[in-house]
């Protein structure tokens, strides 16, 4: 999903196409970790790559640039997001195919690949182990599965904003975690599992499993793109947490999001963006 939003709490009825701008902006802001993760593949020379849940194609286009000899296919359930991926590929001058398929039930006909990438998609499936089993089944012998899950919540705000109660960011994290847990519980066919991602990849039959965490660091003062990404994230959290935060924290968020306020996110000089993305790798054994 290039990757789709790191806190995209939703079910299958969510309109991801309506979030295309945010998904692409966040994908671009976080994309340095994709380059670092691809460097971890060593001498892998994939001839076919699948980005499962590609969204608007930020990661898929980066893979197409990194492996120009490969056939790279962006796979997503949203035709609108795949159209954005195709437009992005044309703009960047890279070769990219697109394929509409729901995850995980629509993967039977997408074929196999030497590299299968999936960025923050699996945690939106009720049966996460079953989803990993399907992804592992897409690998050619010797192929690599790379799953982006976990990492650290993004930090954007100083502890003390100069107004409101200090520690707003920590309270937002707590409420977003509560909402995430509720999302998981409400997914169709939700299966409780210890989210030991390396262990789950081994259970899917993969070998040489390892994890690496990559830092995404945009220091203050923020450039325009990361600043807009922070605004979009806080706008979304303000909407999602409307009934979970107290009145004072909601008022603080409203002030942060006021374009005319010098202490808002559009103008303050101490705004930053720091997060970490964890990628779990596993290889299908050679036949």
Protein backbone atom coordinates (compact mmCIF):
# COMPACT_ATOMS: atom_id res chain seq x y z
CA UNK A 1 0.00 0.00 0.00
CA UNK A 2 3.01 2.00 -0.65
CA UNK A 3 2.51 1.95 2.19
CA UNK A 4 -1.05 2.68 3.21
CA UNK A 5 -1.43 4.69 6.32
CA UNK A 6 0.39 3.40 9.34
CA UNK A 7 -2.73 3.76 11.46
CA UNK A 8 -5.34 3.07 8.83
CA UNK A 9 -7.96 1.63 11.14
CA UNK A 10 -10.78 0.46 8.95
CA UNK A 11 -12.66 -2.42 7.46
CA UNK A 12 -13.10 -3.44 3.84
CA UNK A 13 -15.82 -0.86 3.28
CA UNK A 14 -13.48 2.07 3.91
CA UNK A 15 -13.07 4.37 0.91
CA UNK A 16 -9.30 4.31 0.41
CA UNK A 17 -9.63 6.09 -2.93
CA UNK A 18 -10.89 9.15 -1.06
CA UNK A 19 -7.63 9.07 0.90
CA UNK A 20 -5.42 8.88 -2.18
CA UNK A 21 -3.76 12.25 -1.63
CA UNK A 22 -2.91 11.44 1.99
CA UNK A 23 -1.69 7.95 1.14
CA UNK A 24 0.60 9.22 -1.59
CA UNK A 25 1.89 12.10 0.53
CA UNK A 26 2.62 9.83 3.49
CA UNK A 27 4.17 7.24 1.21
CA UNK A 28 6.54 9.85 -0.18
CA UNK A 29 7.37 11.18 3.28
CA UNK A 30 8.20 7.72 4.61
CA UNK A 31 9.72 6.33 1.40
CA UNK A 32 13.42 6.51 2.42
CA UNK A 33 12.91 3.38 4.48
CA UNK A 34 11.79 1.46 1.37
CA UNK A 35 15.11 2.19 -0.30
CA UNK A 36 16.96 1.05 2.82
CA UNK A 37 14.87 -2.12 3.03
CA UNK A 38 15.56 -2.99 -0.60
CA UNK A 39 19.28 -2.69 0.07
CA UNK A 40 18.83 -5.52 2.59
CA UNK A 41 17.98 -7.90 -0.25
CA UNK A 42 21.67 -8.24 -1.15
CA UNK A 43 22.23 -9.99 -4.45
CA UNK A 44 18.57 -10.84 -5.09
CA UNK A 45 17.85 -10.08 -8.75
CA UNK A 46 14.08 -10.47 -9.00
CA UNK A 47 12.50 -10.97 -12.40
CA UNK A 48 8.97 -10.51 -11.06
CA UNK A 49 7.85 -8.37 -8.10
CA UNK A 50 4.41 -8.08 -6.51
CA UNK A 51 3.48 -5.18 -4.24
CA UNK A 52 0.38 -6.49 -2.47
CA UNK A 53 -1.85 -3.70 -1.22
CA UNK A 54 0.14 -1.14 -3.17
CA UNK A 55 -2.16 1.83 -2.75
CA UNK A 56 -1.06 4.73 -4.98
CA UNK A 57 2.19 2.97 -5.82
CA UNK A 58 4.93 4.86 -4.00
CA UNK A 59 6.80 1.72 -2.91
CA UNK A 60 6.02 -0.10 -6.16
CA UNK A 61 7.54 2.72 -8.22
CA UNK A 62 10.61 2.75 -6.01
CA UNK A 63 11.01 -1.00 -6.59
CA UNK A 64 10.57 -0.49 -10.33
CA UNK A 65 13.37 2.08 -10.27
CA UNK A 66 15.60 -0.15 -8.14
CA UNK A 67 15.02 -3.25 -10.32
CA UNK A 68 14.46 -1.91 -13.85
CA UNK A 69 14.85 -5.41 -15.33
CA UNK A 70 11.93 -6.75 -13.27
CA UNK A 71 8.25 -6.93 -14.07
CA UNK A 72 6.73 -5.02 -11.14
CA UNK A 73 3.00 -5.33 -10.49
CA UNK A 74 1.06 -3.13 -8.08
CA UNK A 75 -1.84 -5.14 -6.64
CA UNK A 76 -4.68 -3.43 -4.79
CA UNK A 77 -8.42 -3.72 -4.31
CA UNK A 78 -9.03 -0.10 -5.37
CA UNK A 79 -9.00 0.69 -9.10
CA UNK A 80 -8.80 4.38 -8.22
CA UNK A 81 -5.60 3.92 -6.24
CA UNK A 82 -4.11 1.77 -8.99
CA UNK A 83 -4.87 4.54 -11.49
CA UNK A 84 -2.84 6.85 -9.27
CA UNK A 85 -0.03 4.27 -9.23
CA UNK A 86 -0.03 4.09 -13.03
CA UNK A 87 0.05 7.90 -13.28
CA UNK A 88 2.92 8.02 -10.82
CA UNK A 89 4.91 5.44 -12.77
CA UNK A 90 4.43 7.35 -16.01
CA UNK A 91 5.49 10.59 -14.33
CA UNK A 92 8.63 8.96 -12.93
CA UNK A 93 9.46 7.09 -16.11
CA UNK A 94 9.39 3.58 -14.62
CA UNK A 95 7.65 0.42 -15.84
CA UNK A 96 4.74 -0.68 -13.66
CA UNK A 97 1.83 -3.03 -14.17
CA UNK A 98 -1.34 -2.86 -12.10
CA UNK A 99 -3.76 -5.58 -11.03
CA UNK A 100 -7.07 -5.22 -9.18
CA UNK A 101 -7.37 -7.93 -6.53
CA UNK A 102 -8.74 -7.98 -3.00
CA UNK A 103 -6.42 -9.08 -0.22
CA UNK A 104 -6.14 -11.89 0.66
CA UNK A 105 -8.96 -13.73 -1.08
CA UNK A 106 -8.21 -12.35 -4.56
CA UNK A 107 -4.59 -13.43 -4.78
CA UNK A 108 -5.12 -16.83 -6.37
CA UNK A 109 -4.64 -15.54 -9.92
CA UNK A 110 -1.87 -12.93 -9.51
CA UNK A 111 0.89 -15.44 -10.21
CA UNK A 112 4.16 -15.95 -8.41
CA UNK A 113 7.15 -13.68 -7.86
CA UNK A 114 10.75 -13.57 -6.71
CA UNK A 115 9.96 -10.66 -4.37
CA UNK A 116 6.62 -10.10 -2.66
CA UNK A 117 6.28 -6.84 -0.73
CA UNK A 118 3.34 -5.89 1.49
CA UNK A 119 3.36 -2.69 3.51
CA UNK A 120 1.12 -2.54 6.57
CA UNK A 121 -1.66 -4.58 5.03
CA UNK A 122 -1.72 -7.84 6.96
CA UNK A 123 -2.95 -6.30 10.21
CA UNK A 124 -6.19 -5.40 8.40
CA UNK A 125 -7.04 -9.05 7.83
CA UNK A 126 -8.89 -11.04 10.48
CA UNK A 127 -6.68 -14.11 10.11
CA UNK A 128 -3.18 -12.65 9.95
CA UNK A 129 -1.41 -16.02 9.89
CA UNK A 130 -3.65 -17.17 7.06
CA UNK A 131 -2.83 -13.99 5.13
CA UNK A 132 0.90 -14.58 5.59
CA UNK A 133 0.47 -18.17 4.43
CA UNK A 134 -1.13 -16.88 1.22
CA UNK A 135 1.61 -14.33 0.65
CA UNK A 136 4.30 -16.95 1.20
CA UNK A 137 2.52 -19.13 -1.33
CA UNK A 138 3.13 -16.48 -4.01
CA UNK A 139 6.90 -16.94 -3.81
CA UNK A 140 9.03 -18.72 -6.34
CA UNK A 141 11.66 -21.04 -4.80
CA UNK A 142 14.38 -18.80 -3.37
CA UNK A 143 12.04 -15.81 -3.43
CA UNK A 144 11.73 -13.29 -0.61
CA UNK A 145 8.67 -12.04 1.24
CA UNK A 146 9.03 -8.59 2.86
CA UNK A 147 6.32 -7.57 5.31
CA UNK A 148 6.14 -4.07 6.83
CA UNK A 149 4.52 -4.32 10.26
CA UNK A 150 5.28 -2.76 13.60
CA UNK A 151 7.95 -0.14 14.13
CA UNK A 152 7.26 2.92 16.25
CA UNK A 153 4.42 5.46 16.32
CA UNK A 154 5.27 8.72 14.60
CA UNK A 155 6.37 11.66 16.73
CA UNK A 156 5.66 15.14 15.41
CA UNK A 157 5.03 17.40 18.38
CA UNK A 158 7.14 18.75 21.25
CA UNK A 159 6.02 17.54 24.67
CA UNK A 160 4.97 21.05 25.67
CA UNK A 161 3.27 22.99 22.89
CA UNK A 162 3.00 26.18 24.92
CA UNK A 163 -0.74 25.69 25.31
CA UNK A 164 -2.96 22.84 26.44
CA UNK A 165 -1.72 20.06 28.69
CA UNK A 166 1.81 18.81 27.95
CA UNK A 167 2.04 15.29 26.52
CA UNK A 168 -0.67 15.48 23.85
CA UNK A 169 1.26 13.16 21.54
CA UNK A 170 1.40 10.39 24.14
CA UNK A 171 -2.32 10.63 24.78
CA UNK A 172 -3.03 10.46 21.04
CA UNK A 173 -0.92 7.30 20.86
CA UNK A 174 -2.94 5.67 23.63
CA UNK A 175 -6.28 6.47 22.02
CA UNK A 176 -5.12 5.37 18.58
CA UNK A 177 -3.93 2.07 20.08
CA UNK A 178 -7.35 1.58 21.68
CA UNK A 179 -9.02 2.25 18.35
CA UNK A 180 -6.65 -0.16 16.60
CA UNK A 181 -7.47 -2.92 19.09
CA UNK A 182 -11.16 -2.34 18.51
CA UNK A 183 -10.64 -2.48 14.74
CA UNK A 184 -8.84 -5.81 15.08
CA UNK A 185 -11.60 -7.25 17.27
CA UNK A 186 -14.31 -6.21 14.81
CA UNK A 187 -12.70 -7.61 11.67
CA UNK A 188 -14.59 -10.51 10.05
CA UNK A 189 -13.04 -13.79 11.07
CA UNK A 190 -10.73 -12.10 13.54
CA UNK A 191 -8.25 -14.59 15.02
CA UNK A 192 -6.29 -13.75 18.15
CA UNK A 193 -2.58 -14.33 17.61
CA UNK A 194 0.64 -13.33 19.28
CA UNK A 195 2.02 -10.82 16.78
CA UNK A 196 5.48 -12.31 16.63
CA UNK A 197 6.01 -11.47 12.98
CA UNK A 198 9.25 -13.46 12.53
CA UNK A 199 7.60 -16.45 14.19
CA UNK A 200 4.56 -16.07 11.96
CA UNK A 201 6.76 -16.00 8.85
CA UNK A 202 8.46 -19.21 10.01
CA UNK A 203 5.02 -20.74 10.58
CA UNK A 204 4.25 -19.83 6.96
CA UNK A 205 7.14 -22.08 5.94
CA UNK A 206 9.79 -19.42 5.28
CA UNK A 207 13.46 -19.65 6.21
CA UNK A 208 16.24 -17.19 6.97
CA UNK A 209 13.73 -14.96 8.71
CA UNK A 210 15.02 -11.65 10.03
CA UNK A 211 13.76 -8.18 10.88
CA UNK A 212 15.25 -4.74 10.37
CA UNK A 213 13.97 -1.39 11.58
CA UNK A 214 14.60 1.76 9.58
CA UNK A 215 14.50 5.32 10.86
CA UNK A 216 12.49 8.00 9.07
CA UNK A 217 13.82 11.34 10.31
CA UNK A 218 12.58 14.72 9.10
CA UNK A 219 13.99 17.25 11.57
CA UNK A 220 12.63 20.69 12.34
CA UNK A 221 11.97 22.96 10.61
CA UNK A 222 9.94 20.71 8.33
CA UNK A 223 9.95 20.98 4.56
CA UNK A 224 6.59 21.50 2.87
CA UNK A 225 5.85 17.83 2.05
CA UNK A 226 6.46 16.38 5.53
CA UNK A 227 4.66 19.37 7.07
CA UNK A 228 1.59 18.66 4.97
CA UNK A 229 1.83 14.99 5.94
CA UNK A 230 1.82 15.93 9.64
CA UNK A 231 -1.21 18.17 9.11
CA UNK A 232 -3.08 15.41 7.27
CA UNK A 233 -2.30 12.89 10.01
CA UNK A 234 -3.47 15.20 12.79
CA UNK A 235 -6.62 16.10 10.84
CA UNK A 236 -7.44 12.44 10.54
CA UNK A 237 -6.73 11.77 14.21
CA UNK A 238 -8.91 14.73 15.18
CA UNK A 239 -11.79 13.18 13.25
CA UNK A 240 -11.21 9.60 14.41
CA UNK A 241 -10.78 10.46 18.09
CA UNK A 242 -13.57 13.02 18.39
CA UNK A 243 -15.44 10.91 20.95
CA UNK A 244 -12.36 9.52 22.73
CA UNK A 245 -10.41 12.66 23.68
CA UNK A 246 -11.41 15.13 26.37
CA UNK A 247 -12.50 18.66 25.54
CA UNK A 248 -9.14 20.21 26.36
CA UNK A 249 -7.19 17.93 24.03
CA UNK A 250 -9.74 18.44 21.26
CA UNK A 251 -9.37 22.19 21.67
CA UNK A 252 -5.58 21.82 21.51
CA UNK A 253 -5.85 19.86 18.27
CA UNK A 254 -8.20 22.47 16.82
CA UNK A 255 -5.68 25.18 17.58
CA UNK A 256 -2.85 23.14 16.06
CA UNK A 257 -4.92 22.75 12.89
CA UNK A 258 -5.91 26.43 12.63
CA UNK A 259 -4.05 27.77 9.56
CA UNK A 260 -4.15 31.31 10.95
CA UNK A 261 -2.60 30.45 14.33
CA UNK A 262 1.18 31.07 14.56
CA UNK A 263 1.33 28.13 17.02
CA UNK A 264 -0.40 25.80 14.54
CA UNK A 265 1.29 23.08 12.51
CA UNK A 266 1.43 25.20 9.36
CA UNK A 267 3.68 27.82 10.95
CA UNK A 268 5.49 26.53 14.02
CA UNK A 269 9.23 26.01 13.62
CA UNK A 270 9.57 23.13 16.11
CA UNK A 271 7.40 20.68 14.16
CA UNK A 272 9.27 17.51 13.14
CA UNK A 273 8.54 13.99 11.92
CA UNK A 274 10.28 10.99 13.42
CA UNK A 275 9.18 7.38 13.08
CA UNK A 276 10.57 3.90 12.49
CA UNK A 277 9.38 1.18 10.13
CA UNK A 278 10.09 -2.50 10.74
CA UNK A 279 10.41 -4.86 7.78
CA UNK A 280 10.34 -8.63 8.30
CA UNK A 281 12.03 -10.77 5.62
CA UNK A 282 11.63 -14.45 4.92
CA UNK A 283 12.75 -16.67 2.04
CA UNK A 284 11.10 -19.66 0.41
CA UNK A 285 13.53 -22.55 0.39
CA UNK A 286 14.93 -23.70 -2.92
CA UNK A 287 13.19 -26.77 -4.28
